[in-house]
Amino acid sequence: MIKVDGELYRTIGVNADLQNRIEVNMVDITYKEYLENMNDKKTPRIFKTIGGKTQSIKKFSTDILGNLYEVKSKKHPQMIMKG
């Protein structure tokens, strides 16, 4: 899960790495099902470009009950090499 500019999405993957574009989907219902319910003929994919106008990006994870938790980056390395 990822929150881009205050909107929560389910991450599908990186669509265009050089253009900083990711493919996302709605959380509760897929965008394809949403378009079918609205009788809309658009492409059933949501693309978000990460650029200069993007205000915030936050990564979230969920537990088995569906509770959302913001993922914090680790301050220390996970693996320390000795030798």
Foldseek 3Di string as FASTA:
>chain_A
DKAWPRADWAFDACDDVVQQKGKTAHDPDGQVVVCVVVVHDDDRIDIDHDDDVTDDMWDWDADPVGDIDTDDDDPDDPDDDDD
